[in-house]
């Protein structure tokens, strides 16, 4: 009798497995709107917002990059002929464009690891029961919500030739000074952006750490694991989805760098050492009157950042 029951259960499992392998495809209405299509109604305002704010400008920028586009007076109809890849050829053979992408690469190499490691370490510390924990959480978040102009003024006061940092260093102070030194200006900008935005990424990691069961930490502590081993073996793997999000957001934010070099180094100085692609787009498109070349730079930047984000995803998922 027991053998008959076991055979019956085995046949049912086999049938269920076979049925799962040949599960019919859902209708396109379910694949598009899910089992609750009313949800599409609720998210439609945001979809319209994305289309108006992001999709249309991106599509228009792509169209501009393939045409001889220039600004004209309102109401004036002018021809903007199709020029193919001429704008891309022009910007890719321009040393200033290559310099701007090199500058942003230096920025990302310094800023992204500093942001990920710093925010994760601070979030882990602030997730513990510490005295004045709420105060420290607020203190780290204040620079992120403070106006960039105000915070930039503080950093210029610190890193000017006669600033507090050089006074503290004395004879060890660099010459020329930080923000007018072609080798040190971009690293200073990268550290400044990491410091200013650290509070936002700390909040992301804190929300991820709330979902890690305390039993894992207690079991590891009972097994004799130290704090560093617990951090490496439990905390880091547990917040891997948040790490992917921080990597992508930090990269996108860094690639769109504009305000900080514009204010800290007076528009990309010294000698273009802090000129970013977005700042160069502003100079080419608005100041020099070549919006078609500026659009080509923007399209190249979007393609590169998309590729980097996909690489991040593959590497994090593989680990």
C-alpha atoms as a PDB file:
ATOM      1  CA  UNK A   1       0.000   0.000   0.000  1.00  0.00           C
ATOM      2  CA  UNK A   2       2.782   2.372   0.865  1.00  0.00           C
ATOM      3  CA  UNK A   3       4.521   1.593  -2.412  1.00  0.00           C
ATOM      4  CA  UNK A   4       1.339   2.476  -4.320  1.00  0.00           C
ATOM      5  CA  UNK A   5       1.093   5.789  -2.484  1.00  0.00           C
ATOM      6  CA  UNK A   6       4.733   6.600  -3.177  1.00  0.00           C
ATOM      7  CA  UNK A   7       4.315   5.776  -6.856  1.00  0.00           C
ATOM      8  CA  UNK A   8       1.215   7.982  -6.999  1.00  0.00           C
ATOM      9  CA  UNK A   9       3.038  10.903  -5.353  1.00  0.00           C
ATOM     10  CA  UNK A  10       6.015  10.438  -7.674  1.00  0.00           C
ATOM     11  CA  UNK A  11       3.758  10.467 -10.744  1.00  0.00           C
ATOM     12  CA  UNK A  12       2.027  13.617  -9.540  1.00  0.00           C
ATOM     13  CA  UNK A  13       5.343  15.375  -8.982  1.00  0.00           C
ATOM     14  CA  UNK A  14       6.526  14.308 -12.430  1.00  0.00           C
ATOM     15  CA  UNK A  15       3.320  15.569 -13.988  1.00  0.00           C
ATOM     16  CA  UNK A  16       3.594  18.840 -12.110  1.00  0.00           C
ATOM     17  CA  UNK A  17       7.191  19.288 -13.230  1.00  0.00           C
ATOM     18  CA  UNK A  18       6.294  18.549 -16.832  1.00  0.00           C
ATOM     19  CA  UNK A  19       3.324  20.883 -16.639  1.00  0.00           C
ATOM     20  CA  UNK A  20       5.539  23.646 -15.208  1.00  0.00           C
ATOM     21  CA  UNK A  21       8.026  23.206 -18.025  1.00  0.00           C
ATOM     22  CA  UNK A  22       5.311  23.616 -20.640  1.00  0.00           C
ATOM     23  CA  UNK A  23       3.438  26.435 -18.952  1.00  0.00           C
ATOM     24  CA  UNK A  24       1.482  28.368 -21.600  1.00  0.00           C
ATOM     25  CA  UNK A  25       2.422  31.954 -22.267  1.00  0.00           C
ATOM     26  CA  UNK A  26       0.213  34.580 -20.728  1.00  0.00           C
ATOM     27  CA  UNK A  27      -1.843  36.861 -22.966  1.00  0.00           C
ATOM     28  CA  UNK A  28      -0.192  40.139 -23.894  1.00  0.00           C
ATOM     29  CA  UNK A  29      -2.719  42.052 -21.802  1.00  0.00           C
ATOM     30  CA  UNK A  30      -1.546  40.258 -18.662  1.00  0.00           C
ATOM     31  CA  UNK A  31       2.117  40.662 -19.575  1.00  0.00           C
ATOM     32  CA  UNK A  32       1.634  44.393 -20.076  1.00  0.00           C
ATOM     33  CA  UNK A  33      -0.781  45.286 -17.305  1.00  0.00           C
ATOM     34  CA  UNK A  34      -0.412  42.374 -14.894  1.00  0.00           C
ATOM     35  CA  UNK A  35      -3.267  40.706 -13.077  1.00  0.00           C
ATOM     36  CA  UNK A  36      -4.424  44.090 -11.793  1.00  0.00           C
ATOM     37  CA  UNK A  37      -4.619  46.390 -14.859  1.00  0.00           C
ATOM     38  CA  UNK A  38      -6.023  49.170 -12.695  1.00  0.00           C
ATOM     39  CA  UNK A  39      -2.441  49.684 -11.508  1.00  0.00           C
ATOM     40  CA  UNK A  40      -1.521  51.014 -14.941  1.00  0.00           C
ATOM     41  CA  UNK A  41      -4.137  53.713 -14.468  1.00  0.00           C
ATOM     42  CA  UNK A  42      -2.549  54.841 -11.218  1.00  0.00           C
ATOM     43  CA  UNK A  43       0.993  54.920 -12.622  1.00  0.00           C
ATOM     44  CA  UNK A  44       0.013  56.555 -15.918  1.00  0.00           C
ATOM     45  CA  UNK A  45       0.546  60.144 -14.610  1.00  0.00           C
ATOM     46  CA  UNK A  46       4.116  59.266 -13.683  1.00  0.00           C
ATOM     47  CA  UNK A  47       4.645  57.568 -17.046  1.00  0.00           C
ATOM     48  CA  UNK A  48       3.450  60.727 -18.776  1.00  0.00           C
ATOM     49  CA  UNK A  49       5.834  62.720 -16.599  1.00  0.00           C
ATOM     50  CA  UNK A  50       8.750  60.474 -17.586  1.00  0.00           C
ATOM     51  CA  UNK A  51       7.813  60.767 -21.260  1.00  0.00           C
ATOM     52  CA  UNK A  52       7.652  64.568 -21.088  1.00  0.00           C
ATOM     53  CA  UNK A  53      10.756  65.118 -18.938  1.00  0.00           C
ATOM     54  CA  UNK A  54      13.083  62.341 -20.094  1.00  0.00           C
ATOM     55  CA  UNK A  55      11.967  60.429 -23.167  1.00  0.00           C
ATOM     56  CA  UNK A  56      11.097  63.394 -25.378  1.00  0.00           C
ATOM     57  CA  UNK A  57      14.252  65.422 -24.575  1.00  0.00           C
ATOM     58  CA  UNK A  58      16.424  62.361 -25.156  1.00  0.00           C
ATOM     59  CA  UNK A  59      14.766  61.627 -28.475  1.00  0.00           C
ATOM     60  CA  UNK A  60      15.058  65.275 -29.515  1.00  0.00           C
ATOM     61  CA  UNK A  61      18.753  65.282 -28.560  1.00  0.00           C
ATOM     62  CA  UNK A  62      19.361  62.215 -30.732  1.00  0.00           C
ATOM     63  CA  UNK A  63      17.573  63.957 -33.629  1.00  0.00           C
ATOM     64  CA  UNK A  64      19.655  67.114 -33.110  1.00  0.00           C
ATOM     65  CA  UNK A  65      22.894  65.151 -33.128  1.00  0.00           C
ATOM     66  CA  UNK A  66      22.209  63.980 -36.708  1.00  0.00           C
ATOM     67  CA  UNK A  67      21.269  67.416 -38.069  1.00  0.00           C
ATOM     68  CA  UNK A  68      22.919  70.765 -38.591  1.00  0.00           C
ATOM     69  CA  UNK A  69      20.969  72.313 -35.747  1.00  0.00           C
ATOM     70  CA  UNK A  70      21.311  75.904 -34.582  1.00  0.00           C
ATOM     71  CA  UNK A  71      19.191  78.299 -32.609  1.00  0.00           C
ATOM     72  CA  UNK A  72      16.895  80.687 -34.460  1.00  0.00           C
ATOM     73  CA  UNK A  73      14.530  83.450 -33.459  1.00  0.00           C
ATOM     74  CA  UNK A  74      11.086  82.308 -32.247  1.00  0.00           C
ATOM     75  CA  UNK A  75       8.673  81.803 -35.127  1.00  0.00           C
ATOM     76  CA  UNK A  76      11.404  81.742 -37.800  1.00  0.00           C
ATOM     77  CA  UNK A  77      11.391  78.650 -39.996  1.00  0.00           C
ATOM     78  CA  UNK A  78      14.886  77.556 -41.031  1.00  0.00           C
ATOM     79  CA  UNK A  79      16.242  74.414 -42.636  1.00  0.00           C
ATOM     80  CA  UNK A  80      18.287  72.089 -40.485  1.00  0.00           C
ATOM     81  CA  UNK A  81      19.646  69.518 -42.936  1.00  0.00           C
ATOM     82  CA  UNK A  82      20.563  65.960 -42.060  1.00  0.00           C
ATOM     83  CA  UNK A  83      24.349  65.625 -41.718  1.00  0.00           C
ATOM     84  CA  UNK A  84      24.650  61.994 -40.642  1.00  0.00           C
ATOM     85  CA  UNK A  85      27.618  61.320 -38.387  1.00  0.00           C
ATOM     86  CA  UNK A  86      29.369  64.642 -39.005  1.00  0.00           C
ATOM     87  CA  UNK A  87      28.639  65.940 -35.503  1.00  0.00           C
ATOM     88  CA  UNK A  88      29.931  62.731 -33.941  1.00  0.00           C
ATOM     89  CA  UNK A  89      33.054  62.861 -36.092  1.00  0.00           C
ATOM     90  CA  UNK A  90      33.618  66.456 -35.044  1.00  0.00           C
ATOM     91  CA  UNK A  91      33.353  65.806 -31.318  1.00  0.00           C
ATOM     92  CA  UNK A  92      35.286  62.524 -31.379  1.00  0.00           C
ATOM     93  CA  UNK A  93      38.233  64.234 -33.070  1.00  0.00           C
ATOM     94  CA  UNK A  94      38.178  67.158 -30.626  1.00  0.00           C
ATOM     95  CA  UNK A  95      40.859  66.900 -27.902  1.00  0.00           C
ATOM     96  CA  UNK A  96      38.724  68.976 -25.520  1.00  0.00           C
ATOM     97  CA  UNK A  97      35.982  66.339 -25.662  1.00  0.00           C
ATOM     98  CA  UNK A  98      38.433  63.543 -24.949  1.00  0.00           C
ATOM     99  CA  UNK A  99      39.877  65.607 -22.090  1.00  0.00           C
ATOM    100  CA  UNK A 100      36.417  66.034 -20.559  1.00  0.00           C
ATOM    101  CA  UNK A 101      35.726  62.284 -20.672  1.00  0.00           C
ATOM    102  CA  UNK A 102      39.150  61.618 -19.157  1.00  0.00           C
ATOM    103  CA  UNK A 103      38.357  64.083 -16.375  1.00  0.00           C
ATOM    104  CA  UNK A 104      35.053  62.388 -15.601  1.00  0.00           C
ATOM    105  CA  UNK A 105      36.787  58.976 -15.597  1.00  0.00           C
ATOM    106  CA  UNK A 106      39.237  60.270 -12.978  1.00  0.00           C
ATOM    107  CA  UNK A 107      36.294  61.634 -11.019  1.00  0.00           C
ATOM    108  CA  UNK A 108      34.397  58.319 -11.090  1.00  0.00           C
ATOM    109  CA  UNK A 109      37.467  56.257 -10.141  1.00  0.00           C
ATOM    110  CA  UNK A 110      37.828  58.364  -6.980  1.00  0.00           C
ATOM    111  CA  UNK A 111      34.222  59.238  -6.199  1.00  0.00           C
ATOM    112  CA  UNK A 112      32.342  55.957  -6.716  1.00  0.00           C
ATOM    113  CA  UNK A 113      34.506  53.684  -4.500  1.00  0.00           C
ATOM    114  CA  UNK A 114      34.700  56.414  -1.853  1.00  0.00           C
ATOM    115  CA  UNK A 115      30.917  56.809  -1.930  1.00  0.00           C
ATOM    116  CA  UNK A 116      30.160  53.071  -1.748  1.00  0.00           C
ATOM    117  CA  UNK A 117      32.679  52.237   0.990  1.00  0.00           C
ATOM    118  CA  UNK A 118      32.066  55.383   3.035  1.00  0.00           C
ATOM    119  CA  UNK A 119      28.281  55.176   2.960  1.00  0.00           C
ATOM    120  CA  UNK A 120      28.250  51.431   3.769  1.00  0.00           C
ATOM    121  CA  UNK A 121      30.649  51.808   6.705  1.00  0.00           C
ATOM    122  CA  UNK A 122      28.755  54.789   8.112  1.00  0.00           C
ATOM    123  CA  UNK A 123      25.391  53.081   7.648  1.00  0.00           C
ATOM    124  CA  UNK A 124      26.678  49.983   9.461  1.00  0.00           C
ATOM    125  CA  UNK A 125      27.902  52.118  12.342  1.00  0.00           C
ATOM    126  CA  UNK A 126      24.700  54.162  12.517  1.00  0.00           C
ATOM    127  CA  UNK A 127      22.614  50.986  12.447  1.00  0.00           C
ATOM    128  CA  UNK A 128      23.952  50.041  15.877  1.00  0.00           C
ATOM    129  CA  UNK A 129      22.614  51.314  19.177  1.00  0.00           C
ATOM    130  CA  UNK A 130      24.835  54.349  19.668  1.00  0.00           C
ATOM    131  CA  UNK A 131      24.403  57.440  21.837  1.00  0.00           C
ATOM    132  CA  UNK A 132      23.121  60.411  19.807  1.00  0.00           C
ATOM    133  CA  UNK A 133      22.441  58.099  16.862  1.00  0.00           C
ATOM    134  CA  UNK A 134      19.580  60.274  15.562  1.00  0.00           C
ATOM    135  CA  UNK A 135      21.791  63.346  15.744  1.00  0.00           C
ATOM    136  CA  UNK A 136      24.530  61.728  13.666  1.00  0.00           C
ATOM    137  CA  UNK A 137      22.043  60.443  11.100  1.00  0.00           C
ATOM    138  CA  UNK A 138      20.694  63.969  10.648  1.00  0.00           C
ATOM    139  CA  UNK A 139      24.171  65.507  10.597  1.00  0.00           C
ATOM    140  CA  UNK A 140      25.320  63.278   7.741  1.00  0.00           C
ATOM    141  CA  UNK A 141      22.191  64.043   5.735  1.00  0.00           C
ATOM    142  CA  UNK A 142      22.292  67.853   6.110  1.00  0.00           C
ATOM    143  CA  UNK A 143      25.002  68.470   3.424  1.00  0.00           C
ATOM    144  CA  UNK A 144      22.888  66.607   0.864  1.00  0.00           C
ATOM    145  CA  UNK A 145      19.889  68.919   1.324  1.00  0.00           C
ATOM    146  CA  UNK A 146      21.968  72.089   1.696  1.00  0.00           C
ATOM    147  CA  UNK A 147      22.225  74.393  -1.327  1.00  0.00           C
ATOM    148  CA  UNK A 148      25.337  73.650  -3.379  1.00  0.00           C
ATOM    149  CA  UNK A 149      26.296  77.320  -3.533  1.00  0.00           C
ATOM    150  CA  UNK A 150      26.489  77.540   0.256  1.00  0.00           C
ATOM    151  CA  UNK A 151      28.478  74.329   0.645  1.00  0.00           C
ATOM    152  CA  UNK A 152      30.837  75.277  -2.205  1.00  0.00           C
ATOM    153  CA  UNK A 153      31.565  78.540  -0.420  1.00  0.00           C
ATOM    154  CA  UNK A 154      32.704  76.598   2.648  1.00  0.00           C
ATOM    155  CA  UNK A 155      35.001  74.355   0.606  1.00  0.00           C
ATOM    156  CA  UNK A 156      36.508  77.309  -1.243  1.00  0.00           C
ATOM    157  CA  UNK A 157      37.214  78.863   2.147  1.00  0.00           C
ATOM    158  CA  UNK A 158      38.924  75.648   3.233  1.00  0.00           C
ATOM    159  CA  UNK A 159      40.950  74.912   0.077  1.00  0.00           C
ATOM    160  CA  UNK A 160      41.918  78.369  -1.159  1.00  0.00           C
ATOM    161  CA  UNK A 161      45.566  79.337  -1.266  1.00  0.00           C
ATOM    162  CA  UNK A 162      45.245  80.958   2.173  1.00  0.00           C
ATOM    163  CA  UNK A 163      42.507  78.588   3.407  1.00  0.00           C
ATOM    164  CA  UNK A 164      42.400  76.636   6.634  1.00  0.00           C
ATOM    165  CA  UNK A 165      43.749  73.443   5.054  1.00  0.00           C
ATOM    166  CA  UNK A 166      46.889  75.113   3.738  1.00  0.00           C
ATOM    167  CA  UNK A 167      47.391  76.912   7.051  1.00  0.00           C
ATOM    168  CA  UNK A 168      47.182  73.595   8.873  1.00  0.00           C
ATOM    169  CA  UNK A 169      49.594  71.909   6.470  1.00  0.00           C
ATOM    170  CA  UNK A 170      52.070  74.765   6.519  1.00  0.00           C
ATOM    171  CA  UNK A 171      55.134  73.940   4.382  1.00  0.00           C
ATOM    172  CA  UNK A 172      53.450  70.686   3.250  1.00  0.00           C
ATOM    173  CA  UNK A 173      50.708  72.591   1.408  1.00  0.00           C
ATOM    174  CA  UNK A 174      50.728  71.936  -2.359  1.00  0.00           C
ATOM    175  CA  UNK A 175      51.954  74.611  -4.741  1.00  0.00           C
ATOM    176  CA  UNK A 176      49.960  75.708  -6.692  1.00  0.00           C
ATOM    177  CA  UNK A 177      47.050  75.264  -4.317  1.00  0.00           C
ATOM    178  CA  UNK A 178      44.317  72.624  -4.469  1.00  0.00           C
ATOM    179  CA  UNK A 179      41.693  74.185  -6.711  1.00  0.00           C
ATOM    180  CA  UNK A 180      44.192  75.805  -9.097  1.00  0.00           C
ATOM    181  CA  UNK A 181      46.388  72.712  -9.375  1.00  0.00           C
ATOM    182  CA  UNK A 182      45.706  70.750 -12.552  1.00  0.00           C
ATOM    183  CA  UNK A 183      46.562  67.455 -10.815  1.00  0.00           C
ATOM    184  CA  UNK A 184      44.644  68.016  -7.574  1.00  0.00           C
ATOM    185  CA  UNK A 185      41.577  69.993  -8.665  1.00  0.00           C
ATOM    186  CA  UNK A 186      39.506  67.036  -9.909  1.00  0.00           C
ATOM    187  CA  UNK A 187      40.320  64.794  -6.895  1.00  0.00           C
ATOM    188  CA  UNK A 188      39.206  67.638  -4.603  1.00  0.00           C
ATOM    189  CA  UNK A 189      35.958  67.938  -6.576  1.00  0.00           C
ATOM    190  CA  UNK A 190      35.444  64.155  -6.355  1.00  0.00           C
ATOM    191  CA  UNK A 191      35.948  64.155  -2.571  1.00  0.00           C
ATOM    192  CA  UNK A 192      33.632  67.146  -2.216  1.00  0.00           C
ATOM    193  CA  UNK A 193      30.808  65.450  -4.162  1.00  0.00           C
ATOM    194  CA  UNK A 194      31.264  62.216  -2.187  1.00  0.00           C
ATOM    195  CA  UNK A 195      31.068  64.134   1.092  1.00  0.00           C
ATOM    196  CA  UNK A 196      28.034  66.150   0.027  1.00  0.00           C
ATOM    197  CA  UNK A 197      25.997  63.178  -1.211  1.00  0.00           C
ATOM    198  CA  UNK A 198      27.097  60.688   1.430  1.00  0.00           C
ATOM    199  CA  UNK A 199      23.994  61.218   3.556  1.00  0.00           C
ATOM    200  CA  UNK A 200      21.643  60.138   0.776  1.00  0.00           C
ATOM    201  CA  UNK A 201      23.463  56.873   0.178  1.00  0.00           C
ATOM    202  CA  UNK A 202      23.726  56.236   3.923  1.00  0.00           C
ATOM    203  CA  UNK A 203      19.920  56.368   4.046  1.00  0.00           C
ATOM    204  CA  UNK A 204      19.721  53.797   1.225  1.00  0.00           C
ATOM    205  CA  UNK A 205      22.040  51.425   3.063  1.00  0.00           C
ATOM    206  CA  UNK A 206      20.238  51.960   6.364  1.00  0.00           C
ATOM    207  CA  UNK A 207      16.962  50.922   4.766  1.00  0.00           C
ATOM    208  CA  UNK A 208      18.651  47.794   3.380  1.00  0.00           C
ATOM    209  CA  UNK A 209      20.218  46.940   6.737  1.00  0.00           C
ATOM    210  CA  UNK A 210      16.806  47.014   8.393  1.00  0.00           C
ATOM    211  CA  UNK A 211      15.922  43.870   6.426  1.00  0.00           C
ATOM    212  CA  UNK A 212      18.916  41.858   7.662  1.00  0.00           C
ATOM    213  CA  UNK A 213      17.801  39.517  10.479  1.00  0.00           C
ATOM    214  CA  UNK A 214      19.587  40.120  13.781  1.00  0.00           C
ATOM    215  CA  UNK A 215      19.761  36.364  14.267  1.00  0.00           C
ATOM    216  CA  UNK A 216      22.487  36.194  11.623  1.00  0.00           C
ATOM    217  CA  UNK A 217      24.701  38.596  13.575  1.00  0.00           C
ATOM    218  CA  UNK A 218      23.981  36.820  16.865  1.00  0.00           C
ATOM    219  CA  UNK A 219      24.822  33.418  15.390  1.00  0.00           C
ATOM    220  CA  UNK A 220      28.049  34.722  13.889  1.00  0.00           C
ATOM    221  CA  UNK A 221      29.029  36.308  17.207  1.00  0.00           C
ATOM    222  CA  UNK A 222      28.345  33.044  19.053  1.00  0.00           C
ATOM    223  CA  UNK A 223      30.561  31.215  16.556  1.00  0.00           C
ATOM    224  CA  UNK A 224      33.397  33.573  17.427  1.00  0.00           C
ATOM    225  CA  UNK A 225      33.406  35.749  14.297  1.00  0.00           C
ATOM    226  CA  UNK A 226      34.916  39.208  14.711  1.00  0.00           C
ATOM    227  CA  UNK A 227      33.363  42.461  13.562  1.00  0.00           C
ATOM    228  CA  UNK A 228      35.379  42.544  10.345  1.00  0.00           C
ATOM    229  CA  UNK A 229      34.450  38.949   9.484  1.00  0.00           C
ATOM    230  CA  UNK A 230      30.769  39.644  10.248  1.00  0.00           C
ATOM    231  CA  UNK A 231      30.903  42.732   8.065  1.00  0.00           C
ATOM    232  CA  UNK A 232      32.441  40.849   5.149  1.00  0.00           C
ATOM    233  CA  UNK A 233      30.414  37.649   5.425  1.00  0.00           C
ATOM    234  CA  UNK A 234      26.977  38.961   6.428  1.00  0.00           C
ATOM    235  CA  UNK A 235      26.578  42.699   5.901  1.00  0.00           C
ATOM    236  CA  UNK A 236      28.178  43.047   2.484  1.00  0.00           C
ATOM    237  CA  UNK A 237      26.293  40.117   0.836  1.00  0.00           C
ATOM    238  CA  UNK A 238      23.011  41.096   2.493  1.00  0.00           C
ATOM    239  CA  UNK A 239      23.043  44.625   1.057  1.00  0.00           C
ATOM    240  CA  UNK A 240      24.208  43.634  -2.429  1.00  0.00           C
ATOM    241  CA  UNK A 241      21.022  44.974  -4.152  1.00  0.00           C
ATOM    242  CA  UNK A 242      21.504  48.301  -2.362  1.00  0.00           C
ATOM    243  CA  UNK A 243      25.151  48.319  -3.435  1.00  0.00           C
ATOM    244  CA  UNK A 244      24.118  47.914  -7.064  1.00  0.00           C
ATOM    245  CA  UNK A 245      21.708  50.826  -6.676  1.00  0.00           C
ATOM    246  CA  UNK A 246      24.387  52.992  -5.040  1.00  0.00           C
ATOM    247  CA  UNK A 247      26.886  52.138  -7.777  1.00  0.00           C
ATOM    248  CA  UNK A 248      24.480  53.073 -10.552  1.00  0.00           C
ATOM    249  CA  UNK A 249      23.220  56.254  -8.880  1.00  0.00           C
ATOM    250  CA  UNK A 250      26.733  57.431  -7.975  1.00  0.00           C
ATOM    251  CA  UNK A 251      27.910  56.802 -11.539  1.00  0.00           C
ATOM    252  CA  UNK A 252      24.967  58.603 -13.115  1.00  0.00           C
ATOM    253  CA  UNK A 253      25.342  61.534 -10.711  1.00  0.00           C
ATOM    254  CA  UNK A 254      29.063  61.751 -11.362  1.00  0.00           C
ATOM    255  CA  UNK A 255      28.614  61.555 -15.129  1.00  0.00           C
ATOM    256  CA  UNK A 256      26.245  64.539 -14.912  1.00  0.00           C
ATOM    257  CA  UNK A 257      28.787  66.605 -12.985  1.00  0.00           C
ATOM    258  CA  UNK A 258      28.250  70.307 -13.642  1.00  0.00           C
ATOM    259  CA  UNK A 259      27.567  72.517 -10.616  1.00  0.00           C
ATOM    260  CA  UNK A 260      30.626  71.635  -8.571  1.00  0.00           C
ATOM    261  CA  UNK A 261      33.375  72.321 -11.166  1.00  0.00           C
ATOM    262  CA  UNK A 262      31.424  75.311 -12.461  1.00  0.00           C
ATOM    263  CA  UNK A 263      31.456  76.902  -9.004  1.00  0.00           C
ATOM    264  CA  UNK A 264      34.606  75.505  -7.408  1.00  0.00           C
ATOM    265  CA  UNK A 265      37.010  76.019 -10.323  1.00  0.00           C
ATOM    266  CA  UNK A 266      35.331  78.906 -12.175  1.00  0.00           C
ATOM    267  CA  UNK A 267      34.000  76.861 -15.063  1.00  0.00           C
ATOM    268  CA  UNK A 268      36.291  73.856 -15.477  1.00  0.00           C
ATOM    269  CA  UNK A 269      39.701  75.253 -14.653  1.00  0.00           C
ATOM    270  CA  UNK A 270      42.582  75.166 -14.333  1.00  0.00           C
ATOM    271  CA  UNK A 271      43.185  74.755 -18.075  1.00  0.00           C
ATOM    272  CA  UNK A 272      40.193  72.419 -18.468  1.00  0.00           C
ATOM    273  CA  UNK A 273      41.361  69.995 -15.755  1.00  0.00           C
ATOM    274  CA  UNK A 274      37.866  69.809 -14.222  1.00  0.00           C
ATOM    275  CA  UNK A 275      35.769  70.261 -17.358  1.00  0.00           C
ATOM    276  CA  UNK A 276      33.123  67.540 -17.452  1.00  0.00           C
ATOM    277  CA  UNK A 277      31.181  66.431 -20.554  1.00  0.00           C
ATOM    278  CA  UNK A 278      28.015  68.127 -19.239  1.00  0.00           C
ATOM    279  CA  UNK A 279      29.904  71.355 -18.583  1.00  0.00           C
ATOM    280  CA  UNK A 280      31.400  71.134 -22.080  1.00  0.00           C
ATOM    281  CA  UNK A 281      27.888  70.599 -23.483  1.00  0.00           C
ATOM    282  CA  UNK A 282      26.805  73.828 -21.774  1.00  0.00           C
ATOM    283  CA  UNK A 283      29.773  75.699 -23.202  1.00  0.00           C
ATOM    284  CA  UNK A 284      29.356  74.304 -26.729  1.00  0.00           C
ATOM    285  CA  UNK A 285      25.578  74.465 -26.892  1.00  0.00           C
ATOM    286  CA  UNK A 286      24.739  77.747 -25.154  1.00  0.00           C
ATOM    287  CA  UNK A 287      27.907  79.814 -25.042  1.00  0.00           C
ATOM    288  CA  UNK A 288      29.360  78.888 -28.443  1.00  0.00           C
ATOM    289  CA  UNK A 289      26.110  78.209 -30.327  1.00  0.00           C
ATOM    290  CA  UNK A 290      26.702  74.586 -31.400  1.00  0.00           C
ATOM    291  CA  UNK A 291      23.785  72.654 -29.869  1.00  0.00           C
ATOM    292  CA  UNK A 292      24.147  69.852 -32.438  1.00  0.00           C
ATOM    293  CA  UNK A 293      27.658  69.037 -31.218  1.00  0.00           C
ATOM    294  CA  UNK A 294      26.498  69.353 -27.613  1.00  0.00           C
ATOM    295  CA  UNK A 295      23.713  66.856 -28.346  1.00  0.00           C
ATOM    296  CA  UNK A 296      26.239  64.427 -29.853  1.00  0.00           C
ATOM    297  CA  UNK A 297      28.340  64.642 -26.689  1.00  0.00           C
ATOM    298  CA  UNK A 298      25.229  63.961 -24.617  1.00  0.00           C
ATOM    299  CA  UNK A 299      24.253  60.898 -26.651  1.00  0.00           C
ATOM    300  CA  UNK A 300      27.762  59.462 -26.331  1.00  0.00           C
ATOM    301  CA  UNK A 301      27.625  60.068 -22.576  1.00  0.00           C
ATOM    302  CA  UNK A 302      24.263  58.288 -22.269  1.00  0.00           C
ATOM    303  CA  UNK A 303      25.576  55.259 -24.179  1.00  0.00           C
ATOM    304  CA  UNK A 304      28.696  55.021 -22.028  1.00  0.00           C
ATOM    305  CA  UNK A 305      26.818  55.347 -18.730  1.00  0.00           C
ATOM    306  CA  UNK A 306      24.280  52.743 -19.844  1.00  0.00           C
ATOM    307  CA  UNK A 307      27.103  50.337 -20.698  1.00  0.00           C
ATOM    308  CA  UNK A 308      28.819  50.939 -17.347  1.00  0.00           C
ATOM    309  CA  UNK A 309      25.544  50.363 -15.478  1.00  0.00           C
ATOM    310  CA  UNK A 310      25.024  47.046 -17.287  1.00  0.00           C
ATOM    311  CA  UNK A 311      28.574  46.003 -16.399  1.00  0.00           C
ATOM    312  CA  UNK A 312      27.901  46.858 -12.748  1.00  0.00           C
ATOM    313  CA  UNK A 313      24.762  44.715 -12.811  1.00  0.00           C
ATOM    314  CA  UNK A 314      26.513  41.747 -14.364  1.00  0.00           C
ATOM    315  CA  UNK A 315      29.399  41.906 -11.884  1.00  0.00           C
ATOM    316  CA  UNK A 316      27.198  42.282  -8.802  1.00  0.00           C
ATOM    317  CA  UNK A 317      24.810  39.497  -9.897  1.00  0.00           C
ATOM    318  CA  UNK A 318      27.736  37.198 -10.708  1.00  0.00           C
ATOM    319  CA  UNK A 319      29.234  37.720  -7.234  1.00  0.00           C
END
